[in-house]
Amino acid sequence: MVTEEQVREILRDVMDPELGVSILDLGLVYDVSIGVDRIMIVMTTTTPACPMSAYLVHEVEATLRARRMCGPSRSIWSGSRRGARR
């Protein structure tokens, strides 16, 4: 079974297209949950109205599928801003 650490390491390959830094290194990934047949990722964007949010969701899911880490994966966007208390 895949581990949270493995998923987080793979997410280092997903780059914010405007900053050129991984979403993990930017602190955009809040939580990774591993289920029987699904990986759920709770994340946010660098700004509340980020125009790249759909792109980042696609990249996260495509990266996990390409690495054959899971079947379906789901990215959940948090309503809080980066750095805000949850």
Protein backbone atom coordinates (compact mmCIF):
# COMPACT_ATOMS: atom_id res chain seq x y z
CA MET A 1 0.00 0.00 0.00
CA VAL A 2 1.17 3.51 -0.77
CA THR A 3 2.20 5.73 2.14
CA GLU A 4 1.62 9.40 2.83
CA GLU A 5 5.36 10.00 2.60
CA GLN A 6 5.49 8.45 -0.89
CA VAL A 7 2.62 10.65 -2.06
CA ARG A 8 4.21 13.78 -0.61
CA GLU A 9 7.50 12.97 -2.34
CA ILE A 10 5.69 12.60 -5.67
CA LEU A 11 3.91 15.92 -5.13
CA ARG A 12 7.33 17.61 -5.16
CA ASP A 13 7.14 17.15 -8.95
CA VAL A 14 4.01 19.32 -9.20
CA MET A 15 5.20 22.86 -9.74
CA ASP A 16 3.35 26.12 -9.31
CA PRO A 17 3.54 27.37 -12.91
CA GLU A 18 3.98 31.01 -11.94
CA LEU A 19 6.63 30.53 -9.23
CA GLY A 20 8.43 27.42 -10.47
CA VAL A 21 8.43 25.89 -6.98
CA SER A 22 6.71 22.66 -5.97
CA ILE A 23 3.31 22.87 -4.31
CA LEU A 24 4.70 20.85 -1.43
CA ASP A 25 7.65 23.21 -0.86
CA LEU A 26 5.27 26.18 -1.02
CA GLY A 27 3.20 24.68 1.80
CA LEU A 28 0.07 24.40 -0.33
CA VAL A 29 -0.60 20.78 0.66
CA TYR A 30 -2.33 20.60 4.05
CA ASP A 31 -3.18 16.91 4.28
CA VAL A 32 -2.77 13.60 2.45
CA SER A 33 -5.16 10.77 3.32
CA ILE A 34 -4.73 7.27 1.95
CA GLY A 35 -7.86 5.17 1.51
CA VAL A 36 -8.40 1.68 0.20
CA ASP A 37 -8.86 2.84 -3.39
CA ARG A 38 -8.35 6.60 -3.25
CA ILE A 39 -5.89 9.28 -2.24
CA MET A 40 -7.37 12.53 -0.93
CA ILE A 41 -5.27 15.67 -0.89
CA VAL A 42 -6.35 18.82 0.92
CA MET A 43 -4.58 21.82 -0.51
CA THR A 44 -4.90 25.52 -1.21
CA THR A 45 -3.46 28.06 -3.64
CA THR A 46 -1.07 30.95 -3.17
CA THR A 47 -3.93 33.45 -3.51
CA PRO A 48 -7.69 33.09 -2.95
CA ALA A 49 -8.59 33.81 -6.60
CA CYS A 50 -5.70 31.92 -8.17
CA PRO A 51 -6.40 31.39 -11.88
CA MET A 52 -4.26 28.23 -11.86
CA SER A 53 -6.33 26.22 -9.37
CA ALA A 54 -7.93 23.94 -12.00
CA TYR A 55 -4.52 23.41 -13.59
CA LEU A 56 -2.98 22.42 -10.24
CA VAL A 57 -5.80 19.96 -9.50
CA HIS A 58 -5.26 18.38 -12.89
CA GLU A 59 -1.49 18.19 -12.40
CA VAL A 60 -1.79 16.59 -8.96
CA GLU A 61 -4.20 13.95 -10.21
CA ALA A 62 -2.29 13.29 -13.44
CA THR A 63 1.01 12.98 -11.57
CA LEU A 64 -0.41 10.42 -9.14
CA ARG A 65 -2.02 8.43 -11.96
CA ALA A 66 1.17 8.52 -14.05
CA ARG A 67 3.11 7.05 -11.13
CA ARG A 68 0.40 4.40 -10.73
CA MET A 69 -0.01 5.35 -7.09
CA CYS A 70 -3.74 4.85 -7.17
CA GLY A 71 -6.81 4.60 -9.32
CA PRO A 72 -8.95 7.66 -8.76
CA SER A 73 -7.49 10.46 -6.71
CA ARG A 74 -9.20 13.55 -5.44
CA SER A 75 -7.80 16.97 -4.70
CA ILE A 76 -9.80 19.07 -2.26
CA TRP A 77 -9.24 22.80 -2.15
CA SER A 78 -9.32 24.27 1.31
CA GLY A 79 -11.27 27.47 1.78
CA SER A 80 -8.51 29.02 3.86
CA ARG A 81 -5.70 31.08 2.46
CA ARG A 82 -2.09 30.02 2.64
CA GLY A 83 -0.72 30.79 6.07
CA ALA A 84 -4.16 31.31 7.60
CA ARG A 85 -5.15 29.32 10.67
CA ARG A 86 -7.26 26.27 9.95
